[in-house]
Amino acid sequence: TITQEQLEQLECDACPGAGSCSGMFTANSMNCLCEALGLALPGNGTIPAVSEERIAFWRKAARRAVEMALDPEALPARAYATERSFFNALALDMAMGGSSNTILHSLAVANEAGVELDLKLIDEVSRRTPNICKISPSSTWHMIDLHKVGGIMAILKEIGKFPERWMELLRQFPEKLWQRNMPQLRPLTGKLSAVWKIPTADPEDWLSFSAILQNAGQW
């Protein structure tokens, strides 16, 4: 048995601050996908909850929301939730190793937006998009580590290099989104399979790719 004080210490160590869990679970995964969908500003998915940067971020987001509300020509959220943006989000989801719950939510959001999205299309994207990022519980790296190396914009920039039809859409992201004082990431190397089957991928193929977080601790 343990004492009440020891239990409290365990709780504080397990959940050291406010906000969502520090791994790539449902809440964080969907926050990240909102960046690719164009429904959230860059940094939405990875900026730590208890930080000055997060305070500055929500002020920036709130200011932008008010600006759009006052602008009679501003586009509604559905105008951003297009087939193109869902391709971006799906490719990001596979590349970053998002929660499996993102499939449920993505299908629901797409349905609400009037975008045709089904499991067959999601499977097609998953087979052609390599997983280049492993966040807890898949590794010992956490969301704050991903943020340190450029966050979601860094992942989108890397997978935007691949010669797949939805990757072409990623390359159309405004250049300024990539320029967020981002550290230089190692280029992805290794030979891509004609069809990237995550369940049966050769371990050597995994090792040949540059993990986005491999040197996160050095920055």
N, C-alpha and C. Protein backbone atom coordinates (compact mmCIF):
# COMPACT_ATOMS: atom_id res chain seq x y z
N THR A 1 0.83 -1.21 0.00
CA THR A 1 0.00 0.00 0.00
C THR A 1 0.87 1.25 0.00
N ILE A 2 0.25 2.37 -0.36
CA ILE A 2 0.96 3.65 -0.35
C ILE A 2 0.15 4.66 0.45
N THR A 3 0.83 5.69 0.87
CA THR A 3 0.17 6.72 1.66
C THR A 3 -0.57 7.70 0.75
N GLN A 4 -1.41 8.51 1.36
CA GLN A 4 -2.13 9.53 0.60
C GLN A 4 -1.16 10.50 -0.06
N GLU A 5 -0.08 10.82 0.66
CA GLU A 5 0.92 11.73 0.11
C GLU A 5 1.63 11.12 -1.10
N GLN A 6 1.92 9.83 -1.04
CA GLN A 6 2.57 9.16 -2.16
C GLN A 6 1.63 9.09 -3.37
N LEU A 7 0.34 8.86 -3.11
CA LEU A 7 -0.64 8.83 -4.19
C LEU A 7 -0.72 10.20 -4.87
N GLU A 8 -0.74 11.24 -4.06
CA GLU A 8 -0.80 12.60 -4.62
C GLU A 8 0.43 12.89 -5.47
N GLN A 9 1.60 12.43 -5.02
CA GLN A 9 2.82 12.64 -5.78
C GLN A 9 2.77 11.91 -7.11
N LEU A 10 2.22 10.68 -7.10
CA LEU A 10 2.07 9.92 -8.35
C LEU A 10 1.14 10.65 -9.31
N GLU A 11 0.05 11.19 -8.78
CA GLU A 11 -0.90 11.93 -9.63
C GLU A 11 -0.23 13.15 -10.25
N CYS A 12 0.55 13.86 -9.45
CA CYS A 12 1.22 15.06 -9.95
C CYS A 12 2.28 14.72 -11.00
N ASP A 13 2.94 13.59 -10.83
CA ASP A 13 3.95 13.17 -11.80
C ASP A 13 3.30 12.68 -13.10
N ALA A 14 2.15 12.01 -12.97
CA ALA A 14 1.47 11.47 -14.15
C ALA A 14 0.80 12.58 -14.96
N CYS A 15 0.22 13.55 -14.28
CA CYS A 15 -0.45 14.68 -14.94
C CYS A 15 0.13 15.98 -14.36
N PRO A 16 1.31 16.36 -14.84
CA PRO A 16 2.04 17.48 -14.24
C PRO A 16 1.44 18.86 -14.48
N GLY A 17 0.43 18.97 -15.31
CA GLY A 17 -0.12 20.30 -15.55
C GLY A 17 -1.51 20.23 -16.16
N ALA A 18 -2.05 21.40 -16.46
CA ALA A 18 -3.37 21.47 -17.06
C ALA A 18 -3.29 21.06 -18.53
N GLY A 19 -4.45 20.87 -19.14
CA GLY A 19 -4.48 20.53 -20.55
C GLY A 19 -4.70 19.05 -20.77
N SER A 20 -4.60 18.64 -22.03
CA SER A 20 -4.82 17.23 -22.39
C SER A 20 -3.59 16.40 -22.05
N CYS A 21 -3.69 15.10 -22.21
CA CYS A 21 -2.56 14.21 -21.97
C CYS A 21 -1.41 14.58 -22.90
N SER A 22 -0.20 14.21 -22.52
CA SER A 22 0.97 14.64 -23.28
C SER A 22 1.30 13.73 -24.46
N GLY A 23 0.48 12.70 -24.69
CA GLY A 23 0.72 11.79 -25.80
C GLY A 23 -0.19 12.06 -26.99
N MET A 24 0.02 11.30 -28.06
CA MET A 24 -0.79 11.45 -29.28
C MET A 24 -2.09 10.66 -29.12
N PHE A 25 -2.92 11.13 -28.20
CA PHE A 25 -4.21 10.49 -27.98
C PHE A 25 -5.29 11.28 -28.72
N THR A 26 -6.54 11.01 -28.44
CA THR A 26 -7.63 11.58 -29.24
C THR A 26 -7.65 13.11 -29.25
N ALA A 27 -7.59 13.73 -28.08
CA ALA A 27 -7.69 15.19 -28.01
C ALA A 27 -6.56 15.86 -28.78
N ASN A 28 -5.34 15.45 -28.52
CA ASN A 28 -4.20 16.04 -29.21
C ASN A 28 -4.23 15.74 -30.71
N SER A 29 -4.62 14.53 -31.05
CA SER A 29 -4.68 14.15 -32.47
C SER A 29 -5.65 15.05 -33.23
N MET A 30 -6.83 15.27 -32.68
CA MET A 30 -7.82 16.09 -33.37
C MET A 30 -7.40 17.56 -33.40
N ASN A 31 -6.75 18.02 -32.34
CA ASN A 31 -6.23 19.39 -32.36
C ASN A 31 -5.23 19.57 -33.49
N CYS A 32 -4.40 18.54 -33.70
CA CYS A 32 -3.41 18.59 -34.77
C CYS A 32 -4.07 18.57 -36.14
N LEU A 33 -5.07 17.73 -36.30
CA LEU A 33 -5.76 17.63 -37.60
C LEU A 33 -6.47 18.94 -37.94
N CYS A 34 -6.90 19.68 -36.93
CA CYS A 34 -7.56 20.96 -37.19
C CYS A 34 -6.62 21.93 -37.89
N GLU A 35 -5.32 21.80 -37.64
CA GLU A 35 -4.35 22.65 -38.33
C GLU A 35 -4.34 22.32 -39.82
N ALA A 36 -4.32 21.04 -40.14
CA ALA A 36 -4.29 20.62 -41.55
C ALA A 36 -5.61 20.92 -42.25
N LEU A 37 -6.70 20.88 -41.52
CA LEU A 37 -8.01 21.19 -42.09
C LEU A 37 -8.18 22.68 -42.35
N GLY A 38 -7.32 23.48 -41.74
CA GLY A 38 -7.43 24.92 -41.91
C GLY A 38 -8.40 25.55 -40.94
N LEU A 39 -8.80 24.80 -39.92
CA LEU A 39 -9.76 25.30 -38.95
C LEU A 39 -9.09 25.86 -37.70
N ALA A 40 -7.77 25.74 -37.62
CA ALA A 40 -7.04 26.25 -36.46
C ALA A 40 -5.71 26.82 -36.91
N LEU A 41 -5.20 27.76 -36.15
CA LEU A 41 -3.93 28.38 -36.48
C LEU A 41 -2.77 27.42 -36.20
N PRO A 42 -1.66 27.57 -36.90
CA PRO A 42 -0.48 26.72 -36.65
C PRO A 42 -0.06 26.80 -35.18
N GLY A 43 0.19 25.65 -34.59
CA GLY A 43 0.56 25.59 -33.18
C GLY A 43 -0.57 25.12 -32.30
N ASN A 44 -1.77 25.10 -32.83
CA ASN A 44 -2.95 24.72 -32.05
C ASN A 44 -2.80 23.35 -31.39
N GLY A 45 -2.20 22.42 -32.10
CA GLY A 45 -2.15 21.05 -31.59
C GLY A 45 -0.99 20.72 -30.69
N THR A 46 0.03 21.57 -30.63
CA THR A 46 1.24 21.17 -29.92
C THR A 46 1.74 22.14 -28.85
N ILE A 47 1.29 23.38 -28.86
CA ILE A 47 1.77 24.33 -27.85
C ILE A 47 1.31 23.87 -26.46
N PRO A 48 2.23 23.75 -25.50
CA PRO A 48 1.87 23.30 -24.15
C PRO A 48 0.82 24.19 -23.51
N ALA A 49 -0.07 23.57 -22.75
CA ALA A 49 -1.19 24.30 -22.14
C ALA A 49 -0.70 25.35 -21.14
N VAL A 50 0.24 24.97 -20.30
CA VAL A 50 0.72 25.89 -19.27
C VAL A 50 2.01 26.56 -19.75
N SER A 51 1.88 27.49 -20.67
CA SER A 51 3.04 28.21 -21.18
C SER A 51 2.62 29.59 -21.64
N GLU A 52 3.56 30.52 -21.65
CA GLU A 52 3.29 31.86 -22.12
C GLU A 52 2.92 31.83 -23.60
N GLU A 53 3.50 30.87 -24.31
CA GLU A 53 3.22 30.75 -25.74
C GLU A 53 1.76 30.40 -25.98
N ARG A 54 1.18 29.55 -25.13
CA ARG A 54 -0.23 29.17 -25.28
C ARG A 54 -1.13 30.38 -25.00
N ILE A 55 -0.77 31.18 -24.01
CA ILE A 55 -1.57 32.36 -23.70
C ILE A 55 -1.56 33.32 -24.89
N ALA A 56 -0.38 33.51 -25.48
CA ALA A 56 -0.27 34.38 -26.65
C ALA A 56 -1.04 33.79 -27.82
N PHE A 57 -1.04 32.45 -27.90
CA PHE A 57 -1.73 31.79 -29.00
C PHE A 57 -3.24 31.97 -28.91
N TRP A 58 -3.82 31.75 -27.72
CA TRP A 58 -5.28 31.87 -27.65
C TRP A 58 -5.72 33.31 -27.82
N ARG A 59 -4.87 34.25 -27.47
CA ARG A 59 -5.20 35.65 -27.73
C ARG A 59 -5.20 35.92 -29.25
N LYS A 60 -4.21 35.35 -29.92
CA LYS A 60 -4.13 35.51 -31.37
C LYS A 60 -5.33 34.86 -32.05
N ALA A 61 -5.70 33.66 -31.58
CA ALA A 61 -6.84 32.94 -32.16
C ALA A 61 -8.14 33.70 -31.90
N ALA A 62 -8.30 34.24 -30.69
CA ALA A 62 -9.51 34.98 -30.35
C ALA A 62 -9.60 36.26 -31.18
N ARG A 63 -8.46 36.91 -31.36
CA ARG A 63 -8.45 38.13 -32.17
C ARG A 63 -8.86 37.82 -33.62
N ARG A 64 -8.35 36.69 -34.13
CA ARG A 64 -8.67 36.30 -35.50
C ARG A 64 -10.16 35.95 -35.63
N ALA A 65 -10.71 35.29 -34.61
CA ALA A 65 -12.12 34.92 -34.63
C ALA A 65 -13.00 36.17 -34.68
N VAL A 66 -12.63 37.19 -33.90
CA VAL A 66 -13.40 38.44 -33.88
C VAL A 66 -13.28 39.15 -35.23
N GLU A 67 -12.07 39.17 -35.79
CA GLU A 67 -11.86 39.80 -37.09
C GLU A 67 -12.74 39.15 -38.15
N MET A 68 -12.82 37.83 -38.13
CA MET A 68 -13.63 37.12 -39.11
C MET A 68 -15.13 37.37 -38.88
N ALA A 69 -15.52 37.47 -37.61
CA ALA A 69 -16.93 37.70 -37.30
C ALA A 69 -17.37 39.08 -37.79
N LEU A 70 -16.44 40.04 -37.76
CA LEU A 70 -16.77 41.41 -38.17
C LEU A 70 -16.61 41.63 -39.67
N ASP A 71 -15.99 40.67 -40.34
CA ASP A 71 -15.74 40.81 -41.78
C ASP A 71 -16.89 40.17 -42.56
N PRO A 72 -17.68 40.96 -43.26
CA PRO A 72 -18.83 40.41 -43.99
C PRO A 72 -18.42 39.47 -45.12
N GLU A 73 -17.16 39.55 -45.55
CA GLU A 73 -16.69 38.70 -46.63
C GLU A 73 -15.92 37.47 -46.13
N ALA A 74 -15.84 37.33 -44.82
CA ALA A 74 -15.11 36.18 -44.25
C ALA A 74 -15.83 34.88 -44.58
N LEU A 75 -15.05 33.85 -44.84
CA LEU A 75 -15.63 32.56 -45.19
C LEU A 75 -16.03 31.79 -43.93
N PRO A 76 -17.11 31.00 -44.00
CA PRO A 76 -17.51 30.17 -42.86
C PRO A 76 -16.61 28.96 -42.75
N ALA A 77 -16.69 28.27 -41.63
CA ALA A 77 -15.83 27.12 -41.38
C ALA A 77 -15.97 26.05 -42.45
N ARG A 78 -17.16 25.85 -42.95
CA ARG A 78 -17.39 24.81 -43.97
C ARG A 78 -16.62 25.08 -45.25
N ALA A 79 -16.31 26.34 -45.50
CA ALA A 79 -15.56 26.68 -46.71
C ALA A 79 -14.13 26.16 -46.63
N TYR A 80 -13.64 25.94 -45.42
CA TYR A 80 -12.28 25.43 -45.24
C TYR A 80 -12.26 23.91 -45.19
N ALA A 81 -13.36 23.32 -44.76
CA ALA A 81 -13.44 21.85 -44.65
C ALA A 81 -13.78 21.26 -46.02
N THR A 82 -12.83 21.28 -46.93
CA THR A 82 -13.03 20.80 -48.30
C THR A 82 -12.39 19.43 -48.48
N GLU A 83 -12.62 18.85 -49.64
CA GLU A 83 -11.99 17.56 -49.94
C GLU A 83 -10.48 17.69 -49.87
N ARG A 84 -9.95 18.81 -50.36
CA ARG A 84 -8.51 19.03 -50.34
C ARG A 84 -7.98 19.05 -48.90
N SER A 85 -8.67 19.76 -48.02
CA SER A 85 -8.19 19.86 -46.65
C SER A 85 -8.30 18.52 -45.92
N PHE A 86 -9.30 17.71 -46.29
CA PHE A 86 -9.42 16.40 -45.65
C PHE A 86 -8.30 15.47 -46.12
N PHE A 87 -7.87 15.60 -47.37
CA PHE A 87 -6.72 14.83 -47.83
C PHE A 87 -5.49 15.21 -47.00
N ASN A 88 -5.32 16.51 -46.78
CA ASN A 88 -4.21 16.98 -45.97
C ASN A 88 -4.27 16.37 -44.57
N ALA A 89 -5.46 16.42 -43.99
CA ALA A 89 -5.62 15.92 -42.62
C ALA A 89 -5.38 14.42 -42.53
N LEU A 90 -5.86 13.66 -43.51
CA LEU A 90 -5.66 12.21 -43.50
C LEU A 90 -4.20 11.85 -43.65
N ALA A 91 -3.51 12.55 -44.56
CA ALA A 91 -2.09 12.29 -44.75
C ALA A 91 -1.32 12.62 -43.47
N LEU A 92 -1.67 13.73 -42.84
CA LEU A 92 -1.04 14.10 -41.58
C LEU A 92 -1.31 13.05 -40.51
N ASP A 93 -2.55 12.60 -40.44
CA ASP A 93 -2.94 11.61 -39.44
C ASP A 93 -2.07 10.36 -39.53
N MET A 94 -1.86 9.87 -40.75
CA MET A 94 -1.06 8.66 -40.94
C MET A 94 0.41 8.94 -40.64
N ALA A 95 0.89 10.10 -41.05
CA ALA A 95 2.30 10.42 -40.86
C ALA A 95 2.66 10.63 -39.39
N MET A 96 1.74 11.22 -38.64
CA MET A 96 2.05 11.50 -37.23
C MET A 96 1.62 10.38 -36.29
N GLY A 97 0.93 9.37 -36.82
CA GLY A 97 0.50 8.26 -35.97
C GLY A 97 -0.60 8.68 -35.01
N GLY A 98 -1.63 9.34 -35.53
CA GLY A 98 -2.70 9.83 -34.67
C GLY A 98 -3.55 8.72 -34.06
N SER A 99 -4.37 9.09 -33.12
CA SER A 99 -5.26 8.14 -32.46
C SER A 99 -6.21 7.51 -33.47
N SER A 100 -6.57 6.26 -33.24
CA SER A 100 -7.52 5.58 -34.14
C SER A 100 -8.89 6.25 -34.08
N ASN A 101 -9.16 6.98 -32.99
CA ASN A 101 -10.44 7.68 -32.88
C ASN A 101 -10.58 8.81 -33.89
N THR A 102 -9.47 9.24 -34.48
CA THR A 102 -9.57 10.31 -35.48
C THR A 102 -10.40 9.86 -36.68
N ILE A 103 -10.42 8.56 -36.94
CA ILE A 103 -11.21 8.07 -38.07
C ILE A 103 -12.70 8.32 -37.82
N LEU A 104 -13.15 8.02 -36.61
CA LEU A 104 -14.55 8.26 -36.26
C LEU A 104 -14.89 9.73 -36.39
N HIS A 105 -14.05 10.58 -35.85
CA HIS A 105 -14.33 12.01 -35.86
C HIS A 105 -14.20 12.60 -37.26
N SER A 106 -13.21 12.15 -38.02
CA SER A 106 -13.02 12.67 -39.38
C SER A 106 -14.21 12.33 -40.26
N LEU A 107 -14.71 11.11 -40.14
CA LEU A 107 -15.88 10.71 -40.91
C LEU A 107 -17.09 11.58 -40.53
N ALA A 108 -17.24 11.85 -39.25
CA ALA A 108 -18.37 12.65 -38.78
C ALA A 108 -18.26 14.09 -39.27
N VAL A 109 -17.06 14.68 -39.16
CA VAL A 109 -16.86 16.06 -39.60
C VAL A 109 -17.05 16.17 -41.11
N ALA A 110 -16.51 15.20 -41.86
CA ALA A 110 -16.65 15.21 -43.32
C ALA A 110 -18.12 15.12 -43.71
N ASN A 111 -18.86 14.29 -43.03
CA ASN A 111 -20.29 14.15 -43.32
C ASN A 111 -21.01 15.48 -43.08
N GLU A 112 -20.67 16.15 -42.00
CA GLU A 112 -21.29 17.43 -41.69
C GLU A 112 -20.92 18.48 -42.73
N ALA A 113 -19.70 18.38 -43.27
CA ALA A 113 -19.23 19.35 -44.25
C ALA A 113 -19.68 19.01 -45.67
N GLY A 114 -20.30 17.84 -45.84
CA GLY A 114 -20.76 17.45 -47.17
C GLY A 114 -19.65 16.92 -48.04
N VAL A 115 -18.58 16.41 -47.42
CA VAL A 115 -17.45 15.85 -48.16
C VAL A 115 -17.54 14.33 -48.14
N GLU A 116 -17.43 13.70 -49.31
CA GLU A 116 -17.50 12.24 -49.37
C GLU A 116 -16.19 11.64 -48.87
N LEU A 117 -16.28 10.92 -47.79
CA LEU A 117 -15.12 10.29 -47.17
C LEU A 117 -15.55 8.95 -46.63
N ASP A 118 -14.78 7.91 -46.94
CA ASP A 118 -15.14 6.59 -46.43
C ASP A 118 -13.87 5.83 -46.05
N LEU A 119 -14.07 4.65 -45.47
CA LEU A 119 -12.95 3.87 -44.97
C LEU A 119 -12.03 3.40 -46.11
N LYS A 120 -12.59 3.18 -47.28
CA LYS A 120 -11.77 2.75 -48.42
C LYS A 120 -10.76 3.82 -48.78
N LEU A 121 -11.19 5.07 -48.82
CA LEU A 121 -10.29 6.17 -49.14
C LEU A 121 -9.25 6.36 -48.04
N ILE A 122 -9.69 6.25 -46.80
CA ILE A 122 -8.76 6.39 -45.67
C ILE A 122 -7.70 5.30 -45.73
N ASP A 123 -8.12 4.09 -46.06
CA ASP A 123 -7.17 2.98 -46.18
C ASP A 123 -6.17 3.24 -47.30
N GLU A 124 -6.66 3.80 -48.40
CA GLU A 124 -5.76 4.10 -49.52
C GLU A 124 -4.69 5.11 -49.11
N VAL A 125 -5.11 6.14 -48.40
CA VAL A 125 -4.15 7.14 -47.93
C VAL A 125 -3.16 6.52 -46.96
N SER A 126 -3.65 5.67 -46.07
CA SER A 126 -2.78 5.06 -45.05
C SER A 126 -1.71 4.17 -45.67
N ARG A 127 -2.04 3.50 -46.78
CA ARG A 127 -1.08 2.60 -47.42
C ARG A 127 0.00 3.34 -48.19
N ARG A 128 -0.24 4.60 -48.50
CA ARG A 128 0.72 5.36 -49.28
C ARG A 128 1.38 6.50 -48.51
N THR A 129 1.11 6.56 -47.22
CA THR A 129 1.70 7.61 -46.40
C THR A 129 2.54 6.97 -45.29
N PRO A 130 3.85 7.14 -45.32
CA PRO A 130 4.69 6.55 -44.28
C PRO A 130 4.51 7.26 -42.95
N ASN A 131 4.62 6.50 -41.89
CA ASN A 131 4.54 7.05 -40.54
C ASN A 131 5.94 7.53 -40.15
N ILE A 132 6.11 8.84 -40.05
CA ILE A 132 7.44 9.40 -39.79
C ILE A 132 7.57 10.02 -38.41
N CYS A 133 6.57 9.84 -37.59
CA CYS A 133 6.58 10.47 -36.28
C CYS A 133 5.97 9.53 -35.25
N LYS A 134 6.68 9.29 -34.18
CA LYS A 134 6.17 8.40 -33.13
C LYS A 134 6.16 9.14 -31.80
N ILE A 135 4.95 9.41 -31.33
CA ILE A 135 4.74 10.11 -30.07
C ILE A 135 4.15 9.13 -29.06
N SER A 136 4.41 9.35 -27.79
CA SER A 136 3.81 8.51 -26.74
C SER A 136 2.32 8.30 -27.04
N PRO A 137 1.80 7.09 -26.94
CA PRO A 137 2.38 5.90 -26.33
C PRO A 137 3.23 5.03 -27.26
N SER A 138 3.52 5.49 -28.47
CA SER A 138 4.32 4.70 -29.41
C SER A 138 5.82 4.87 -29.15
N SER A 139 6.19 5.82 -28.32
CA SER A 139 7.59 6.07 -28.01
C SER A 139 7.67 6.82 -26.69
N THR A 140 8.86 7.24 -26.33
CA THR A 140 9.04 8.01 -25.10
C THR A 140 9.00 9.51 -25.36
N TRP A 141 8.76 9.91 -26.63
CA TRP A 141 8.65 11.33 -26.97
C TRP A 141 7.22 11.80 -26.71
N HIS A 142 7.08 13.09 -26.41
CA HIS A 142 5.77 13.63 -26.09
C HIS A 142 5.44 14.84 -26.97
N MET A 143 4.24 15.37 -26.81
CA MET A 143 3.79 16.47 -27.65
C MET A 143 4.70 17.69 -27.57
N ILE A 144 5.23 17.94 -26.41
CA ILE A 144 6.11 19.10 -26.27
C ILE A 144 7.38 18.93 -27.09
N ASP A 145 7.83 17.67 -27.23
CA ASP A 145 9.01 17.40 -28.05
C ASP A 145 8.70 17.66 -29.53
N LEU A 146 7.52 17.27 -29.96
CA LEU A 146 7.10 17.54 -31.33
C LEU A 146 7.04 19.04 -31.57
N HIS A 147 6.53 19.77 -30.59
CA HIS A 147 6.44 21.22 -30.73
C HIS A 147 7.83 21.85 -30.87
N LYS A 148 8.80 21.32 -30.13
CA LYS A 148 10.15 21.88 -30.15
C LYS A 148 10.80 21.79 -31.53
N VAL A 149 10.40 20.80 -32.32
CA VAL A 149 11.03 20.63 -33.63
C VAL A 149 10.17 21.14 -34.78
N GLY A 150 9.17 21.95 -34.47
CA GLY A 150 8.39 22.57 -35.54
C GLY A 150 6.93 22.20 -35.57
N GLY A 151 6.53 21.21 -34.75
CA GLY A 151 5.11 20.87 -34.67
C GLY A 151 4.52 20.30 -35.95
N ILE A 152 3.25 20.51 -36.13
CA ILE A 152 2.50 19.95 -37.25
C ILE A 152 2.99 20.49 -38.58
N MET A 153 3.37 21.76 -38.62
CA MET A 153 3.86 22.33 -39.87
C MET A 153 5.12 21.62 -40.35
N ALA A 154 5.94 21.15 -39.41
CA ALA A 154 7.16 20.43 -39.78
C ALA A 154 6.81 19.09 -40.42
N ILE A 155 5.83 18.39 -39.85
CA ILE A 155 5.41 17.10 -40.41
C ILE A 155 4.81 17.30 -41.79
N LEU A 156 3.95 18.30 -41.94
CA LEU A 156 3.33 18.56 -43.23
C LEU A 156 4.38 18.90 -44.29
N LYS A 157 5.39 19.64 -43.88
CA LYS A 157 6.43 19.99 -44.84
C LYS A 157 7.18 18.75 -45.32
N GLU A 158 7.47 17.84 -44.40
CA GLU A 158 8.20 16.62 -44.76
C GLU A 158 7.37 15.72 -45.68
N ILE A 159 6.13 15.45 -45.31
CA ILE A 159 5.34 14.53 -46.14
C ILE A 159 4.89 15.20 -47.43
N GLY A 160 4.97 16.54 -47.48
CA GLY A 160 4.64 17.24 -48.70
C GLY A 160 5.65 16.98 -49.81
N LYS A 161 6.75 16.31 -49.47
CA LYS A 161 7.79 16.00 -50.45
C LYS A 161 7.49 14.72 -51.23
N PHE A 162 6.54 13.92 -50.74
CA PHE A 162 6.29 12.64 -51.36
C PHE A 162 5.46 12.77 -52.63
N PRO A 163 5.73 11.95 -53.63
CA PRO A 163 5.06 12.06 -54.94
C PRO A 163 3.70 11.37 -54.99
N GLU A 164 2.82 11.68 -54.07
CA GLU A 164 1.47 11.14 -54.11
C GLU A 164 0.50 12.27 -54.44
N ARG A 165 -0.64 11.93 -54.98
CA ARG A 165 -1.53 12.98 -55.47
C ARG A 165 -2.03 13.90 -54.35
N TRP A 166 -2.26 13.36 -53.15
CA TRP A 166 -2.70 14.24 -52.08
C TRP A 166 -1.54 15.04 -51.51
N MET A 167 -0.29 14.55 -51.71
CA MET A 167 0.86 15.31 -51.24
C MET A 167 1.02 16.60 -52.05
N GLU A 168 0.57 16.57 -53.29
CA GLU A 168 0.62 17.78 -54.12
C GLU A 168 -0.20 18.90 -53.47
N LEU A 169 -1.27 18.52 -52.81
CA LEU A 169 -2.09 19.51 -52.13
C LEU A 169 -1.32 20.13 -50.98
N LEU A 170 -0.55 19.33 -50.29
CA LEU A 170 0.24 19.85 -49.17
C LEU A 170 1.23 20.89 -49.64
N ARG A 171 1.78 20.70 -50.83
CA ARG A 171 2.77 21.64 -51.33
C ARG A 171 2.16 23.00 -51.65
N GLN A 172 0.82 23.07 -51.64
CA GLN A 172 0.15 24.33 -51.91
C GLN A 172 -0.09 25.15 -50.64
N PHE A 173 0.34 24.61 -49.49
CA PHE A 173 0.23 25.37 -48.26
C PHE A 173 1.04 26.66 -48.40
N PRO A 174 0.55 27.78 -47.88
CA PRO A 174 1.33 29.02 -47.96
C PRO A 174 2.72 28.84 -47.37
N GLU A 175 3.72 29.33 -48.05
CA GLU A 175 5.10 29.14 -47.62
C GLU A 175 5.33 29.68 -46.21
N LYS A 176 4.65 30.76 -45.85
CA LYS A 176 4.89 31.37 -44.54
C LYS A 176 4.54 30.43 -43.39
N LEU A 177 3.65 29.44 -43.65
CA LEU A 177 3.30 28.51 -42.58
C LEU A 177 4.47 27.63 -42.20
N TRP A 178 5.38 27.40 -43.16
CA TRP A 178 6.53 26.55 -42.85
C TRP A 178 7.56 27.30 -42.01
N GLN A 179 7.55 28.62 -42.08
CA GLN A 179 8.61 29.42 -41.48
C GLN A 179 8.21 29.87 -40.09
N ARG A 180 8.34 28.98 -39.13
CA ARG A 180 8.00 29.29 -37.74
C ARG A 180 9.21 29.07 -36.86
N ASN A 181 10.34 29.66 -37.22
CA ASN A 181 11.57 29.43 -36.47
C ASN A 181 11.82 27.94 -36.32
N MET A 182 11.54 27.22 -37.38
CA MET A 182 11.63 25.78 -37.36
C MET A 182 13.07 25.30 -37.45
N PRO A 183 13.50 24.41 -36.55
CA PRO A 183 14.84 23.84 -36.66
C PRO A 183 14.96 23.04 -37.95
N GLN A 184 16.18 22.87 -38.42
CA GLN A 184 16.38 22.08 -39.62
C GLN A 184 16.13 20.61 -39.32
N LEU A 185 15.20 20.01 -40.03
CA LEU A 185 14.90 18.60 -39.83
C LEU A 185 15.75 17.77 -40.78
N ARG A 186 16.09 16.60 -40.34
CA ARG A 186 16.81 15.69 -41.24
C ARG A 186 15.90 15.33 -42.41
N PRO A 187 16.44 15.27 -43.61
CA PRO A 187 15.61 14.87 -44.75
C PRO A 187 15.24 13.40 -44.63
N LEU A 188 14.07 13.07 -45.12
CA LEU A 188 13.64 11.68 -45.13
C LEU A 188 14.46 10.91 -46.15
N THR A 189 14.95 9.77 -45.75
CA THR A 189 15.75 8.94 -46.64
C THR A 189 15.16 7.55 -46.70
N GLY A 190 15.79 6.68 -47.48
CA GLY A 190 15.31 5.32 -47.55
C GLY A 190 14.39 5.12 -48.74
N LYS A 191 14.10 3.89 -49.05
CA LYS A 191 13.29 3.55 -50.21
C LYS A 191 11.85 3.32 -49.80
N LEU A 192 10.96 4.06 -50.40
CA LEU A 192 9.54 3.88 -50.12
C LEU A 192 9.00 2.67 -50.87
N SER A 193 8.17 1.91 -50.20
CA SER A 193 7.53 0.79 -50.87
C SER A 193 6.50 1.33 -51.85
N ALA A 194 6.22 0.56 -52.89
CA ALA A 194 5.20 0.98 -53.86
C ALA A 194 3.88 1.19 -53.13
N VAL A 195 3.60 0.32 -52.17
CA VAL A 195 2.43 0.47 -51.30
C VAL A 195 2.92 0.31 -49.87
N TRP A 196 2.74 1.33 -49.08
CA TRP A 196 3.25 1.32 -47.71
C TRP A 196 2.23 0.66 -46.80
N LYS A 197 2.46 -0.61 -46.47
CA LYS A 197 1.54 -1.34 -45.61
C LYS A 197 2.09 -1.32 -44.19
N ILE A 198 1.52 -0.48 -43.37
CA ILE A 198 2.02 -0.31 -42.01
C ILE A 198 2.10 -1.63 -41.24
N PRO A 199 1.07 -2.50 -41.29
CA PRO A 199 1.16 -3.74 -40.49
C PRO A 199 2.28 -4.68 -40.93
N THR A 200 2.70 -4.60 -42.21
CA THR A 200 3.69 -5.56 -42.69
C THR A 200 4.97 -4.89 -43.15
N ALA A 201 5.19 -3.65 -42.75
CA ALA A 201 6.39 -2.93 -43.18
C ALA A 201 7.65 -3.59 -42.65
N ASP A 202 8.68 -3.66 -43.47
CA ASP A 202 9.96 -4.22 -43.08
C ASP A 202 10.59 -3.33 -42.01
N PRO A 203 11.04 -3.91 -40.88
CA PRO A 203 11.67 -3.09 -39.83
C PRO A 203 12.83 -2.24 -40.36
N GLU A 204 13.53 -2.74 -41.38
CA GLU A 204 14.64 -1.98 -41.93
C GLU A 204 14.13 -0.72 -42.63
N ASP A 205 12.94 -0.80 -43.20
CA ASP A 205 12.37 0.39 -43.83
C ASP A 205 12.09 1.46 -42.78
N TRP A 206 11.59 1.02 -41.63
CA TRP A 206 11.33 1.98 -40.56
C TRP A 206 12.62 2.68 -40.15
N LEU A 207 13.68 1.87 -40.00
CA LEU A 207 14.94 2.44 -39.53
C LEU A 207 15.57 3.35 -40.56
N SER A 208 15.24 3.16 -41.82
CA SER A 208 15.86 3.97 -42.88
C SER A 208 15.27 5.37 -42.96
N PHE A 209 14.10 5.56 -42.36
CA PHE A 209 13.49 6.88 -42.38
C PHE A 209 14.05 7.74 -41.25
N SER A 210 14.09 9.03 -41.49
CA SER A 210 14.52 9.95 -40.46
C SER A 210 13.33 10.26 -39.56
N ALA A 211 13.41 9.86 -38.31
CA ALA A 211 12.32 10.15 -37.39
C ALA A 211 12.36 11.64 -37.06
N ILE A 212 11.26 12.30 -37.20
CA ILE A 212 11.21 13.74 -36.96
C ILE A 212 11.70 14.10 -35.55
N LEU A 213 11.43 13.23 -34.60
CA LEU A 213 11.80 13.55 -33.23
C LEU A 213 13.14 12.95 -32.79
N GLN A 214 13.89 12.41 -33.71
CA GLN A 214 15.08 11.67 -33.34
C GLN A 214 16.05 12.49 -32.50
N ASN A 215 16.21 13.75 -32.85
CA ASN A 215 17.14 14.59 -32.11
C ASN A 215 16.45 15.74 -31.42
N ALA A 216 15.19 15.54 -31.07
CA ALA A 216 14.41 16.63 -30.47
C ALA A 216 15.09 17.18 -29.21
N GLY A 217 15.69 16.29 -28.44
CA GLY A 217 16.30 16.72 -27.20
C GLY A 217 17.47 17.67 -27.36
N GLN A 218 18.00 17.76 -28.59
CA GLN A 218 19.17 18.61 -28.81
C GLN A 218 18.78 20.05 -29.08
N TRP A 219 17.45 20.31 -29.31
CA TRP A 219 17.03 21.67 -29.63
C TRP A 219 16.43 22.35 -28.41
